[in-house]
Structure formats: structure tokens, C-alpha cells
Amino acid sequence: MAVHRPLPLRRMFGFAGAGIAAFFLAWAVVGLVPGIPSLLDVFGMPGIRVPAAITIGGLLTAAVGFHEF
């Protein structure tokens, strides 16, 4: 049986989605350092759902891009 390889465009979407999620993860970790604005400083408590939604969208995009990889 032949091995199914994802399309290069789909793989690119996977890396892009993982990059988006990694960016917000890195920002959350680096934001713990004093002097660097955290996600809460920039978006506030009510607005924290904006980066959360972008991160979840990136993770879903990565899941679609890396499906059957």
C-alpha cells in the first residue's frame, strides 16, 4: 500500500499554524520577565480571549495541516 504524503501547501499551513501558536506561547512565557508587557498587560482581562482565539485557530490550522503526516 502506498504511503500518503500531505500536499506541500497543506504542510505549509501546518507550520504556519504551529508558528502562530508558538508565538503566543513564547509571548506568555517571556511576559513573565519584569519589564516586558505580558498578554494581560496588552489585552487586559476581558480581551485575553483575542489571543486565545488566535492561538486555538493556529492549533486547529496545524492539526489540519499535519493530518496524516
Protein backbone atom coordinates (compact mmCIF):
# COMPACT_ATOMS: atom_id res chain seq x y z
CA MET A 1 0.00 0.00 0.00
CA ALA A 2 1.32 3.42 -0.93
CA VAL A 3 2.18 5.92 1.78
CA HIS A 4 0.00 9.01 1.65
CA ARG A 5 2.06 12.21 1.82
CA PRO A 6 0.35 15.52 2.54
CA LEU A 7 0.48 18.22 -0.06
CA PRO A 8 3.25 20.80 0.36
CA LEU A 9 0.66 23.56 0.71
CA ARG A 10 -1.08 21.66 3.47
CA ARG A 11 2.22 21.11 5.26
CA MET A 12 2.90 24.85 4.95
CA PHE A 13 -0.43 25.53 6.67
CA GLY A 14 0.64 23.16 9.43
CA PHE A 15 3.88 25.00 10.04
CA ALA A 16 2.14 28.38 9.86
CA GLY A 17 -0.44 27.31 12.43
CA ALA A 18 2.21 25.89 14.72
CA GLY A 19 4.18 29.11 14.36
CA ILE A 20 1.19 31.22 15.37
CA ALA A 21 0.61 29.08 18.44
CA ALA A 22 4.33 29.09 19.30
CA PHE A 23 4.44 32.90 19.05
CA PHE A 24 1.72 33.35 21.67
CA LEU A 25 3.22 30.65 23.88
CA ALA A 26 6.59 32.39 23.74
CA TRP A 27 4.95 35.74 24.49
CA ALA A 28 3.18 34.24 27.50
CA VAL A 29 6.46 32.86 28.87
CA VAL A 30 8.57 35.93 28.09
CA GLY A 31 5.85 38.15 29.54
CA LEU A 32 6.70 36.78 32.97
CA VAL A 33 10.01 38.68 32.83
CA PRO A 34 9.74 42.08 34.54
CA GLY A 35 9.75 44.97 32.10
CA ILE A 36 8.25 43.03 29.19
CA PRO A 37 4.50 43.52 28.70
CA SER A 38 2.52 40.34 29.19
CA LEU A 39 -0.59 39.27 27.34
CA LEU A 40 -2.70 40.62 30.19
CA ASP A 41 -0.94 44.00 30.08
CA VAL A 42 -1.61 44.37 26.37
CA PHE A 43 -5.10 42.89 26.03
CA GLY A 44 -6.48 43.16 29.57
CA MET A 45 -8.57 40.54 31.30
CA PRO A 46 -11.67 40.90 29.06
CA GLY A 47 -9.56 40.96 25.90
CA ILE A 48 -7.47 37.88 26.69
CA ARG A 49 -9.89 35.86 24.58
CA VAL A 50 -8.49 37.51 21.43
CA PRO A 51 -5.01 35.91 21.66
CA ALA A 52 -6.62 32.73 22.98
CA ALA A 53 -8.84 32.54 19.90
CA ILE A 54 -5.90 33.24 17.58
CA THR A 55 -3.85 30.53 19.31
CA ILE A 56 -6.65 27.98 19.08
CA GLY A 57 -7.14 28.88 15.43
CA GLY A 58 -3.43 28.32 14.85
CA LEU A 59 -3.55 24.96 16.58
CA LEU A 60 -6.56 23.89 14.53
CA THR A 61 -4.81 25.00 11.36
CA ALA A 62 -1.74 23.00 12.38
CA ALA A 63 -3.91 19.96 13.06
CA VAL A 64 -5.42 20.17 9.58
CA GLY A 65 -2.03 20.79 8.00
CA PHE A 66 -0.33 17.87 9.72
CA HIS A 67 -3.23 15.42 9.44
CA GLU A 68 -1.84 12.05 8.26
CA PHE A 69 1.69 13.44 8.17
